[in-house]
C-alpha atoms as a PDB file:
ATOM      1  CA  UNK A   1      -2.665 -11.494  11.547  1.00  0.00           C
ATOM      2  CA  UNK A   2      -1.006 -11.527   8.134  1.00  0.00           C
ATOM      3  CA  UNK A   3       2.070 -13.696   7.857  1.00  0.00           C
ATOM      4  CA  UNK A   4       5.137 -12.386   6.076  1.00  0.00           C
ATOM      5  CA  UNK A   5       7.110 -14.920   4.070  1.00  0.00           C
ATOM      6  CA  UNK A   6      10.741 -14.613   3.030  1.00  0.00           C
ATOM      7  CA  UNK A   7       9.912 -12.956  -0.302  1.00  0.00           C
ATOM      8  CA  UNK A   8       7.689 -10.385   1.442  1.00  0.00           C
ATOM      9  CA  UNK A   9      10.390  -9.619   3.993  1.00  0.00           C
ATOM     10  CA  UNK A  10      13.135  -9.231   1.394  1.00  0.00           C
ATOM     11  CA  UNK A  11      10.906  -7.004  -0.770  1.00  0.00           C
ATOM     12  CA  UNK A  12      10.214  -4.838   2.290  1.00  0.00           C
ATOM     13  CA  UNK A  13      13.892  -4.758   3.234  1.00  0.00           C
ATOM     14  CA  UNK A  14      14.973  -3.739  -0.279  1.00  0.00           C
ATOM     15  CA  UNK A  15      12.335  -0.989  -0.606  1.00  0.00           C
ATOM     16  CA  UNK A  16      13.722   2.273   0.816  1.00  0.00           C
ATOM     17  CA  UNK A  17      10.270   3.838   1.123  1.00  0.00           C
ATOM     18  CA  UNK A  18       8.940   0.935   3.189  1.00  0.00           C
ATOM     19  CA  UNK A  19      12.160   0.557   5.169  1.00  0.00           C
ATOM     20  CA  UNK A  20      11.949   4.231   6.132  1.00  0.00           C
ATOM     21  CA  UNK A  21       8.694   3.498   7.977  1.00  0.00           C
ATOM     22  CA  UNK A  22      10.799   1.813  10.689  1.00  0.00           C
ATOM     23  CA  UNK A  23      12.012   3.991  13.542  1.00  0.00           C
ATOM     24  CA  UNK A  24      15.535   3.882  14.990  1.00  0.00           C
ATOM     25  CA  UNK A  25      14.569   1.439  17.761  1.00  0.00           C
ATOM     26  CA  UNK A  26      12.971  -0.948  15.233  1.00  0.00           C
ATOM     27  CA  UNK A  27      16.120  -0.887  13.112  1.00  0.00           C
ATOM     28  CA  UNK A  28      18.406  -1.524  16.092  1.00  0.00           C
ATOM     29  CA  UNK A  29      16.207  -4.432  17.226  1.00  0.00           C
ATOM     30  CA  UNK A  30      16.291  -6.037  13.770  1.00  0.00           C
ATOM     31  CA  UNK A  31      20.031  -5.467  13.433  1.00  0.00           C
ATOM     32  CA  UNK A  32      20.704  -6.934  16.870  1.00  0.00           C
ATOM     33  CA  UNK A  33      18.578 -10.055  16.377  1.00  0.00           C
ATOM     34  CA  UNK A  34      18.904 -11.042  12.716  1.00  0.00           C
ATOM     35  CA  UNK A  35      22.244 -12.896  12.736  1.00  0.00           C
ATOM     36  CA  UNK A  36      22.239 -16.641  13.436  1.00  0.00           C
ATOM     37  CA  UNK A  37      25.235 -16.880  15.717  1.00  0.00           C
ATOM     38  CA  UNK A  38      28.846 -16.093  16.488  1.00  0.00           C
ATOM     39  CA  UNK A  39      30.081 -17.346  13.110  1.00  0.00           C
ATOM     40  CA  UNK A  40      28.198 -14.430  11.501  1.00  0.00           C
ATOM     41  CA  UNK A  41      30.342 -11.909  13.366  1.00  0.00           C
ATOM     42  CA  UNK A  42      33.756 -11.765  11.766  1.00  0.00           C
ATOM     43  CA  UNK A  43      36.544  -9.202  11.704  1.00  0.00           C
ATOM     44  CA  UNK A  44      35.954  -8.572   8.005  1.00  0.00           C
ATOM     45  CA  UNK A  45      32.200  -8.165   8.454  1.00  0.00           C
ATOM     46  CA  UNK A  46      32.695  -5.701  11.321  1.00  0.00           C
ATOM     47  CA  UNK A  47      35.286  -3.746   9.318  1.00  0.00           C
ATOM     48  CA  UNK A  48      32.869  -3.582   6.377  1.00  0.00           C
ATOM     49  CA  UNK A  49      30.091  -2.370   8.659  1.00  0.00           C
ATOM     50  CA  UNK A  50      32.329   0.318  10.145  1.00  0.00           C
ATOM     51  CA  UNK A  51      33.366   1.422   6.650  1.00  0.00           C
ATOM     52  CA  UNK A  52      29.772   1.391   5.310  1.00  0.00           C
ATOM     53  CA  UNK A  53      28.652   3.705   8.124  1.00  0.00           C
ATOM     54  CA  UNK A  54      31.766   5.911   7.980  1.00  0.00           C
ATOM     55  CA  UNK A  55      32.701   5.283  11.608  1.00  0.00           C
ATOM     56  CA  UNK A  56      36.221   6.641  11.908  1.00  0.00           C
ATOM     57  CA  UNK A  57      36.981   6.214  15.582  1.00  0.00           C
ATOM     58  CA  UNK A  58      36.752   2.397  15.915  1.00  0.00           C
ATOM     59  CA  UNK A  59      39.206  -0.351  15.063  1.00  0.00           C
ATOM     60  CA  UNK A  60      38.563  -4.087  15.087  1.00  0.00           C
ATOM     61  CA  UNK A  61      41.368  -6.175  16.541  1.00  0.00           C
ATOM     62  CA  UNK A  62      41.353  -9.931  16.077  1.00  0.00           C
ATOM     63  CA  UNK A  63      42.914 -11.943  18.876  1.00  0.00           C
ATOM     64  CA  UNK A  64      43.768 -15.470  17.889  1.00  0.00           C
END
């Protein structure tokens, strides 16, 4: 089995042609597992994600 190092992964991730070899389930799995923990999920990050994907029917509310 070939090991992928960080540079290999980032090159793959930044290459649209290679990235397009992943199916929808692969992409969801990577998206769901890649963050380190709760500190990675912020109101601003979620708002940016919603804006990047043009999701118009969701709002993020921060409860302090």
